[in-house]
Amino acid sequence: MTDHLSNFKVTDRQTFIEFIDLMRQDFIDNPESWENNNLNDFLQAFGSYAEDIQGYYDNNKIDINADKPNWQTFADILKGATIYE
């Protein structure tokens, strides 16, 4: 995953759409950097990461309540699903 994608801030629906476009392009350009590079593995990791994301926020001292998600939370789960095992 490129630094640009890793650091991209999602603030609303429009930036989430831009994030999805960047993510798709990153997969095309850098498939080797994605641990979960098929739909089955990605969806499994997506579900697992959605379950564990509050731990990510807590460990990194990020003041986000995953039970009240926003557009950035959805982007974080998608990013996590690319590498989560």
PDB file of N, CA and C in Angstrom:
ATOM      1  N   MET A   1       0.845  -1.166   0.000  1.00  0.00           N
ATOM      2  CA  MET A   1       0.000   0.000   0.000  1.00  0.00           C
ATOM      3  C   MET A   1       0.897   1.238   0.000  1.00  0.00           C
ATOM      4  N   THR A   2       0.603   2.154  -0.856  1.00  0.00           N
ATOM      5  CA  THR A   2       1.405   3.372  -0.964  1.00  0.00           C
ATOM      6  C   THR A   2       1.186   4.281   0.237  1.00  0.00           C
ATOM      7  N   ASP A   3       2.183   5.118   0.509  1.00  0.00           N
ATOM      8  CA  ASP A   3       2.052   6.083   1.610  1.00  0.00           C
ATOM      9  C   ASP A   3       0.877   7.018   1.378  1.00  0.00           C
ATOM     10  N   HIS A   4       0.673   7.399   0.109  1.00  0.00           N
ATOM     11  CA  HIS A   4      -0.438   8.304  -0.197  1.00  0.00           C
ATOM     12  C   HIS A   4      -1.764   7.681   0.242  1.00  0.00           C
ATOM     13  N   LEU A   5      -1.942   6.410  -0.048  1.00  0.00           N
ATOM     14  CA  LEU A   5      -3.171   5.735   0.347  1.00  0.00           C
ATOM     15  C   LEU A   5      -3.227   5.553   1.858  1.00  0.00           C
ATOM     16  N   SER A   6      -2.124   5.169   2.465  1.00  0.00           N
ATOM     17  CA  SER A   6      -2.083   4.958   3.916  1.00  0.00           C
ATOM     18  C   SER A   6      -2.426   6.229   4.685  1.00  0.00           C
ATOM     19  N   ASN A   7      -2.007   7.365   4.179  1.00  0.00           N
ATOM     20  CA  ASN A   7      -2.191   8.638   4.870  1.00  0.00           C
ATOM     21  C   ASN A   7      -3.397   9.437   4.389  1.00  0.00           C
ATOM     22  N   PHE A   8      -4.152   8.908   3.448  1.00  0.00           N
ATOM     23  CA  PHE A   8      -5.297   9.613   2.886  1.00  0.00           C
ATOM     24  C   PHE A   8      -6.375   9.766   3.960  1.00  0.00           C
ATOM     25  N   LYS A   9      -6.835  10.981   4.166  1.00  0.00           N
ATOM     26  CA  LYS A   9      -7.863  11.261   5.175  1.00  0.00           C
ATOM     27  C   LYS A   9      -9.243  11.276   4.530  1.00  0.00           C
ATOM     28  N   VAL A  10     -10.114  10.489   5.079  1.00  0.00           N
ATOM     29  CA  VAL A  10     -11.495  10.414   4.606  1.00  0.00           C
ATOM     30  C   VAL A  10     -12.351  11.206   5.578  1.00  0.00           C
ATOM     31  N   THR A  11     -13.041  12.191   5.053  1.00  0.00           N
ATOM     32  CA  THR A  11     -13.837  13.068   5.911  1.00  0.00           C
ATOM     33  C   THR A  11     -15.334  13.057   5.594  1.00  0.00           C
ATOM     34  N   ASP A  12     -15.669  12.564   4.407  1.00  0.00           N
ATOM     35  CA  ASP A  12     -17.067  12.567   3.987  1.00  0.00           C
ATOM     36  C   ASP A  12     -17.256  11.537   2.877  1.00  0.00           C
ATOM     37  N   ARG A  13     -18.448  11.461   2.347  1.00  0.00           N
ATOM     38  CA  ARG A  13     -18.746  10.463   1.313  1.00  0.00           C
ATOM     39  C   ARG A  13     -17.884  10.663   0.082  1.00  0.00           C
ATOM     40  N   GLN A  14     -17.672  11.893  -0.333  1.00  0.00           N
ATOM     41  CA  GLN A  14     -16.888  12.157  -1.539  1.00  0.00           C
ATOM     42  C   GLN A  14     -15.431  11.713  -1.378  1.00  0.00           C
ATOM     43  N   THR A  15     -14.835  12.011  -0.235  1.00  0.00           N
ATOM     44  CA  THR A  15     -13.444  11.576  -0.045  1.00  0.00           C
ATOM     45  C   THR A  15     -13.371  10.059   0.130  1.00  0.00           C
ATOM     46  N   PHE A  16     -14.442   9.439   0.633  1.00  0.00           N
ATOM     47  CA  PHE A  16     -14.480   7.975   0.706  1.00  0.00           C
ATOM     48  C   PHE A  16     -14.475   7.388  -0.707  1.00  0.00           C
ATOM     49  N   ILE A  17     -15.226   7.991  -1.616  1.00  0.00           N
ATOM     50  CA  ILE A  17     -15.245   7.542  -3.011  1.00  0.00           C
ATOM     51  C   ILE A  17     -13.856   7.690  -3.627  1.00  0.00           C
ATOM     52  N   GLU A  18     -13.190   8.800  -3.358  1.00  0.00           N
ATOM     53  CA  GLU A  18     -11.823   9.000  -3.847  1.00  0.00           C
ATOM     54  C   GLU A  18     -10.885   7.952  -3.259  1.00  0.00           C
ATOM     55  N   PHE A  19     -11.063   7.646  -1.972  1.00  0.00           N
ATOM     56  CA  PHE A  19     -10.258   6.631  -1.316  1.00  0.00           C
ATOM     57  C   PHE A  19     -10.438   5.271  -1.993  1.00  0.00           C
ATOM     58  N   ILE A  20     -11.669   4.900  -2.293  1.00  0.00           N
ATOM     59  CA  ILE A  20     -11.936   3.616  -2.964  1.00  0.00           C
ATOM     60  C   ILE A  20     -11.239   3.577  -4.315  1.00  0.00           C
ATOM     61  N   ASP A  21     -11.290   4.673  -5.068  1.00  0.00           N
ATOM     62  CA  ASP A  21     -10.597   4.731  -6.353  1.00  0.00           C
ATOM     63  C   ASP A  21      -9.089   4.553  -6.184  1.00  0.00           C
ATOM     64  N   LEU A  22      -8.518   5.214  -5.163  1.00  0.00           N
ATOM     65  CA  LEU A  22      -7.084   5.067  -4.886  1.00  0.00           C
ATOM     66  C   LEU A  22      -6.744   3.641  -4.465  1.00  0.00           C
ATOM     67  N   MET A  23      -7.609   3.059  -3.687  1.00  0.00           N
ATOM     68  CA  MET A  23      -7.382   1.692  -3.230  1.00  0.00           C
ATOM     69  C   MET A  23      -7.398   0.715  -4.407  1.00  0.00           C
ATOM     70  N   ARG A  24      -8.353   0.873  -5.300  1.00  0.00           N
ATOM     71  CA  ARG A  24      -8.429   0.021  -6.486  1.00  0.00           C
ATOM     72  C   ARG A  24      -7.172   0.163  -7.329  1.00  0.00           C
ATOM     73  N   GLN A  25      -6.714   1.395  -7.518  1.00  0.00           N
ATOM     74  CA  GLN A  25      -5.503   1.635  -8.303  1.00  0.00           C
ATOM     75  C   GLN A  25      -4.274   1.041  -7.612  1.00  0.00           C
ATOM     76  N   ASP A  26      -4.238   1.124  -6.281  1.00  0.00           N
ATOM     77  CA  ASP A  26      -3.129   0.533  -5.537  1.00  0.00           C
ATOM     78  C   ASP A  26      -3.098  -0.979  -5.741  1.00  0.00           C
ATOM     79  N   PHE A  27      -4.256  -1.609  -5.757  1.00  0.00           N
ATOM     80  CA  PHE A  27      -4.303  -3.056  -5.993  1.00  0.00           C
ATOM     81  C   PHE A  27      -3.800  -3.394  -7.389  1.00  0.00           C
ATOM     82  N   ILE A  28      -4.154  -2.591  -8.360  1.00  0.00           N
ATOM     83  CA  ILE A  28      -3.691  -2.817  -9.737  1.00  0.00           C
ATOM     84  C   ILE A  28      -2.174  -2.638  -9.820  1.00  0.00           C
ATOM     85  N   ASP A  29      -1.662  -1.584  -9.182  1.00  0.00           N
ATOM     86  CA  ASP A  29      -0.241  -1.241  -9.282  1.00  0.00           C
ATOM     87  C   ASP A  29       0.658  -2.051  -8.343  1.00  0.00           C
ATOM     88  N   ASN A  30       0.130  -2.475  -7.203  1.00  0.00           N
ATOM     89  CA  ASN A  30       0.959  -3.120  -6.172  1.00  0.00           C
ATOM     90  C   ASN A  30       0.296  -4.365  -5.572  1.00  0.00           C
ATOM     91  N   PRO A  31      -0.149  -5.308  -6.370  1.00  0.00           N
ATOM     92  CA  PRO A  31      -0.863  -6.456  -5.791  1.00  0.00           C
ATOM     93  C   PRO A  31      -0.001  -7.263  -4.821  1.00  0.00           C
ATOM     94  N   GLU A  32       1.308  -7.215  -4.996  1.00  0.00           N
ATOM     95  CA  GLU A  32       2.198  -7.967  -4.109  1.00  0.00           C
ATOM     96  C   GLU A  32       2.217  -7.406  -2.681  1.00  0.00           C
ATOM     97  N   SER A  33       1.796  -6.163  -2.508  1.00  0.00           N
ATOM     98  CA  SER A  33       1.795  -5.568  -1.169  1.00  0.00           C
ATOM     99  C   SER A  33       0.512  -5.891  -0.401  1.00  0.00           C
ATOM    100  N   TRP A  34      -0.432  -6.523  -1.065  1.00  0.00           N
ATOM    101  CA  TRP A  34      -1.696  -6.895  -0.430  1.00  0.00           C
ATOM    102  C   TRP A  34      -1.605  -8.346   0.044  1.00  0.00           C
ATOM    103  N   GLU A  35      -1.687  -8.562   1.336  1.00  0.00           N
ATOM    104  CA  GLU A  35      -1.685  -9.917   1.890  1.00  0.00           C
ATOM    105  C   GLU A  35      -2.921 -10.676   1.419  1.00  0.00           C
ATOM    106  N   ASN A  36      -4.049  -9.993   1.371  1.00  0.00           N
ATOM    107  CA  ASN A  36      -5.328 -10.617   1.001  1.00  0.00           C
ATOM    108  C   ASN A  36      -5.731 -10.130  -0.390  1.00  0.00           C
ATOM    109  N   ASN A  37      -5.215 -10.820  -1.400  1.00  0.00           N
ATOM    110  CA  ASN A  37      -5.376 -10.327  -2.768  1.00  0.00           C
ATOM    111  C   ASN A  37      -6.385 -11.122  -3.596  1.00  0.00           C
ATOM    112  N   ASN A  38      -7.283 -11.837  -2.926  1.00  0.00           N
ATOM    113  CA  ASN A  38      -8.435 -12.404  -3.628  1.00  0.00           C
ATOM    114  C   ASN A  38      -9.671 -12.100  -2.787  1.00  0.00           C
ATOM    115  N   LEU A  39     -10.817 -12.169  -3.400  1.00  0.00           N
ATOM    116  CA  LEU A  39     -12.046 -11.715  -2.735  1.00  0.00           C
ATOM    117  C   LEU A  39     -12.345 -12.503  -1.468  1.00  0.00           C
ATOM    118  N   ASN A  40     -12.177 -13.817  -1.502  1.00  0.00           N
ATOM    119  CA  ASN A  40     -12.464 -14.630  -0.329  1.00  0.00           C
ATOM    120  C   ASN A  40     -11.595 -14.215   0.859  1.00  0.00           C
ATOM    121  N   ASP A  41     -10.288 -14.122   0.651  1.00  0.00           N
ATOM    122  CA  ASP A  41      -9.377 -13.739   1.739  1.00  0.00           C
ATOM    123  C   ASP A  41      -9.643 -12.315   2.201  1.00  0.00           C
ATOM    124  N   PHE A  42      -9.908 -11.420   1.252  1.00  0.00           N
ATOM    125  CA  PHE A  42     -10.165 -10.026   1.596  1.00  0.00           C
ATOM    126  C   PHE A  42     -11.421  -9.896   2.455  1.00  0.00           C
ATOM    127  N   LEU A  43     -12.491 -10.564   2.066  1.00  0.00           N
ATOM    128  CA  LEU A  43     -13.736 -10.466   2.835  1.00  0.00           C
ATOM    129  C   LEU A  43     -13.596 -11.094   4.217  1.00  0.00           C
ATOM    130  N   GLN A  44     -12.850 -12.187   4.320  1.00  0.00           N
ATOM    131  CA  GLN A  44     -12.607 -12.791   5.631  1.00  0.00           C
ATOM    132  C   GLN A  44     -11.839 -11.821   6.520  1.00  0.00           C
ATOM    133  N   ALA A  45     -10.784 -11.213   5.975  1.00  0.00           N
ATOM    134  CA  ALA A  45      -9.997 -10.240   6.731  1.00  0.00           C
ATOM    135  C   ALA A  45     -10.825  -8.999   7.050  1.00  0.00           C
ATOM    136  N   PHE A  46     -11.684  -8.602   6.125  1.00  0.00           N
ATOM    137  CA  PHE A  46     -12.548  -7.435   6.329  1.00  0.00           C
ATOM    138  C   PHE A  46     -13.418  -7.634   7.569  1.00  0.00           C
ATOM    139  N   GLY A  47     -14.046  -8.792   7.673  1.00  0.00           N
ATOM    140  CA  GLY A  47     -14.885  -9.082   8.828  1.00  0.00           C
ATOM    141  C   GLY A  47     -14.090  -9.143  10.124  1.00  0.00           C
ATOM    142  N   SER A  48     -12.931  -9.790  10.063  1.00  0.00           N
ATOM    143  CA  SER A  48     -12.087  -9.899  11.255  1.00  0.00           C
ATOM    144  C   SER A  48     -11.573  -8.536  11.696  1.00  0.00           C
ATOM    145  N   TYR A  49     -11.160  -7.729  10.743  1.00  0.00           N
ATOM    146  CA  TYR A  49     -10.627  -6.415  11.101  1.00  0.00           C
ATOM    147  C   TYR A  49     -11.726  -5.494  11.626  1.00  0.00           C
ATOM    148  N   ALA A  50     -12.925  -5.622  11.065  1.00  0.00           N
ATOM    149  CA  ALA A  50     -14.051  -4.833  11.579  1.00  0.00           C
ATOM    150  C   ALA A  50     -14.312  -5.187  13.043  1.00  0.00           C
ATOM    151  N   GLU A  51     -14.132  -6.445  13.383  1.00  0.00           N
ATOM    152  CA  GLU A  51     -14.320  -6.890  14.765  1.00  0.00           C
ATOM    153  C   GLU A  51     -13.222  -6.358  15.683  1.00  0.00           C
ATOM    154  N   ASP A  52     -11.996  -6.242  15.174  1.00  0.00           N
ATOM    155  CA  ASP A  52     -10.839  -5.878  15.994  1.00  0.00           C
ATOM    156  C   ASP A  52     -10.410  -4.418  15.908  1.00  0.00           C
ATOM    157  N   ILE A  53     -11.080  -3.603  15.110  1.00  0.00           N
ATOM    158  CA  ILE A  53     -10.573  -2.253  14.856  1.00  0.00           C
ATOM    159  C   ILE A  53     -10.530  -1.374  16.109  1.00  0.00           C
ATOM    160  N   GLN A  54     -11.409  -1.604  17.066  1.00  0.00           N
ATOM    161  CA  GLN A  54     -11.343  -0.779  18.273  1.00  0.00           C
ATOM    162  C   GLN A  54     -10.006  -0.972  18.980  1.00  0.00           C
ATOM    163  N   GLY A  55      -9.482  -2.178  18.953  1.00  0.00           N
ATOM    164  CA  GLY A  55      -8.164  -2.432  19.527  1.00  0.00           C
ATOM    165  C   GLY A  55      -7.075  -1.650  18.822  1.00  0.00           C
ATOM    166  N   TYR A  56      -7.176  -1.551  17.493  1.00  0.00           N
ATOM    167  CA  TYR A  56      -6.220  -0.738  16.719  1.00  0.00           C
ATOM    168  C   TYR A  56      -6.279   0.716  17.181  1.00  0.00           C
ATOM    169  N   TYR A  57      -7.483   1.247  17.291  1.00  0.00           N
ATOM    170  CA  TYR A  57      -7.637   2.639  17.725  1.00  0.00           C
ATOM    171  C   TYR A  57      -7.098   2.835  19.141  1.00  0.00           C
ATOM    172  N   ASP A  58      -7.441   1.929  20.036  1.00  0.00           N
ATOM    173  CA  ASP A  58      -6.994   2.054  21.425  1.00  0.00           C
ATOM    174  C   ASP A  58      -5.474   1.960  21.521  1.00  0.00           C
ATOM    175  N   ASN A  59      -4.874   0.987  20.833  1.00  0.00           N
ATOM    176  CA  ASN A  59      -3.413   0.793  20.886  1.00  0.00           C
ATOM    177  C   ASN A  59      -2.643   1.970  20.316  1.00  0.00           C
ATOM    178  N   ASN A  60      -3.241   2.663  19.357  1.00  0.00           N
ATOM    179  CA  ASN A  60      -2.590   3.809  18.727  1.00  0.00           C
ATOM    180  C   ASN A  60      -3.063   5.142  19.298  1.00  0.00           C
ATOM    181  N   LYS A  61      -3.815   5.064  20.401  1.00  0.00           N
ATOM    182  CA  LYS A  61      -4.306   6.270  21.087  1.00  0.00           C
ATOM    183  C   LYS A  61      -5.079   7.190  20.133  1.00  0.00           C
ATOM    184  N   ILE A  62      -5.905   6.580  19.292  1.00  0.00           N
ATOM    185  CA  ILE A  62      -6.766   7.322  18.367  1.00  0.00           C
ATOM    186  C   ILE A  62      -8.158   7.378  18.987  1.00  0.00           C
ATOM    187  N   ASP A  63      -8.650   8.571  19.200  1.00  0.00           N
ATOM    188  CA  ASP A  63      -9.921   8.768  19.897  1.00  0.00           C
ATOM    189  C   ASP A  63     -11.098   8.597  18.934  1.00  0.00           C
ATOM    190  N   ILE A  64     -11.354   7.338  18.579  1.00  0.00           N
ATOM    191  CA  ILE A  64     -12.490   7.002  17.718  1.00  0.00           C
ATOM    192  C   ILE A  64     -13.227   5.853  18.368  1.00  0.00           C
ATOM    193  N   ASN A  65     -14.539   5.946  18.436  1.00  0.00           N
ATOM    194  CA  ASN A  65     -15.384   4.872  18.922  1.00  0.00           C
ATOM    195  C   ASN A  65     -15.877   4.097  17.708  1.00  0.00           C
ATOM    196  N   ALA A  66     -15.367   2.885  17.517  1.00  0.00           N
ATOM    197  CA  ALA A  66     -15.728   2.084  16.345  1.00  0.00           C
ATOM    198  C   ALA A  66     -17.197   1.673  16.338  1.00  0.00           C
ATOM    199  N   ASP A  67     -17.862   1.794  17.480  1.00  0.00           N
ATOM    200  CA  ASP A  67     -19.288   1.490  17.517  1.00  0.00           C
ATOM    201  C   ASP A  67     -20.136   2.635  16.980  1.00  0.00           C
ATOM    202  N   LYS A  68     -19.490   3.771  16.733  1.00  0.00           N
ATOM    203  CA  LYS A  68     -20.144   4.923  16.101  1.00  0.00           C
ATOM    204  C   LYS A  68     -19.293   5.324  14.903  1.00  0.00           C
ATOM    205  N   PRO A  69     -19.295   4.478  13.868  1.00  0.00           N
ATOM    206  CA  PRO A  69     -18.362   4.688  12.761  1.00  0.00           C
ATOM    207  C   PRO A  69     -18.652   5.940  11.950  1.00  0.00           C
ATOM    208  N   ASN A  70     -17.597   6.418  11.310  1.00  0.00           N
ATOM    209  CA  ASN A  70     -17.708   7.514  10.357  1.00  0.00           C
ATOM    210  C   ASN A  70     -17.032   7.050   9.054  1.00  0.00           C
ATOM    211  N   TRP A  71     -16.944   7.900   8.081  1.00  0.00           N
ATOM    212  CA  TRP A  71     -16.364   7.509   6.795  1.00  0.00           C
ATOM    213  C   TRP A  71     -14.914   7.056   6.954  1.00  0.00           C
ATOM    214  N   GLN A  72     -14.161   7.679   7.851  1.00  0.00           N
ATOM    215  CA  GLN A  72     -12.766   7.275   8.071  1.00  0.00           C
ATOM    216  C   GLN A  72     -12.690   5.865   8.655  1.00  0.00           C
ATOM    217  N   THR A  73     -13.620   5.520   9.527  1.00  0.00           N
ATOM    218  CA  THR A  73     -13.628   4.172  10.101  1.00  0.00           C
ATOM    219  C   THR A  73     -13.789   3.133   9.000  1.00  0.00           C
ATOM    220  N   PHE A  74     -14.687   3.369   8.069  1.00  0.00           N
ATOM    221  CA  PHE A  74     -14.868   2.425   6.962  1.00  0.00           C
ATOM    222  C   PHE A  74     -13.593   2.316   6.123  1.00  0.00           C
ATOM    223  N   ALA A  75     -12.946   3.434   5.888  1.00  0.00           N
ATOM    224  CA  ALA A  75     -11.688   3.422   5.137  1.00  0.00           C
ATOM    225  C   ALA A  75     -10.608   2.665   5.913  1.00  0.00           C
ATOM    226  N   ASP A  76     -10.540   2.861   7.221  1.00  0.00           N
ATOM    227  CA  ASP A  76      -9.555   2.157   8.036  1.00  0.00           C
ATOM    228  C   ASP A  76      -9.775   0.646   7.986  1.00  0.00           C
ATOM    229  N   ILE A  77     -11.021   0.217   8.039  1.00  0.00           N
ATOM    230  CA  ILE A  77     -11.314  -1.219   7.956  1.00  0.00           C
ATOM    231  C   ILE A  77     -10.899  -1.764   6.592  1.00  0.00           C
ATOM    232  N   LEU A  78     -11.181  -1.033   5.532  1.00  0.00           N
ATOM    233  CA  LEU A  78     -10.767  -1.484   4.193  1.00  0.00           C
ATOM    234  C   LEU A  78      -9.259  -1.588   4.090  1.00  0.00           C
ATOM    235  N   LYS A  79      -8.537  -0.583   4.608  1.00  0.00           N
ATOM    236  CA  LYS A  79      -7.076  -0.622   4.585  1.00  0.00           C
ATOM    237  C   LYS A  79      -6.566  -1.822   5.379  1.00  0.00           C
ATOM    238  N   GLY A  80      -7.133  -2.018   6.540  1.00  0.00           N
ATOM    239  CA  GLY A  80      -6.704  -3.131   7.386  1.00  0.00           C
ATOM    240  C   GLY A  80      -6.929  -4.477   6.733  1.00  0.00           C
ATOM    241  N   ALA A  81      -8.022  -4.602   6.002  1.00  0.00           N
ATOM    242  CA  ALA A  81      -8.341  -5.872   5.347  1.00  0.00           C
ATOM    243  C   ALA A  81      -7.337  -6.260   4.261  1.00  0.00           C
ATOM    244  N   THR A  82      -6.577  -5.301   3.783  1.00  0.00           N
ATOM    245  CA  THR A  82      -5.587  -5.647   2.755  1.00  0.00           C
ATOM    246  C   THR A  82      -4.422  -6.449   3.335  1.00  0.00           C
ATOM    247  N   ILE A  83      -4.162  -6.309   4.654  1.00  0.00           N
ATOM    248  CA  ILE A  83      -3.000  -6.962   5.244  1.00  0.00           C
ATOM    249  C   ILE A  83      -3.318  -7.834   6.454  1.00  0.00           C
ATOM    250  N   TYR A  84      -4.516  -7.774   6.985  1.00  0.00           N
ATOM    251  CA  TYR A  84      -4.873  -8.475   8.227  1.00  0.00           C
ATOM    252  C   TYR A  84      -4.882  -9.972   8.007  1.00  0.00           C
ATOM    253  N   GLU A  85      -4.286 -10.711   8.927  1.00  0.00           N
ATOM    254  CA  GLU A  85      -4.273 -12.173   8.817  1.00  0.00           C
ATOM    255  C   GLU A  85      -5.157 -12.796   9.852  1.00  0.00           C
TER     256      GLU A  85
END
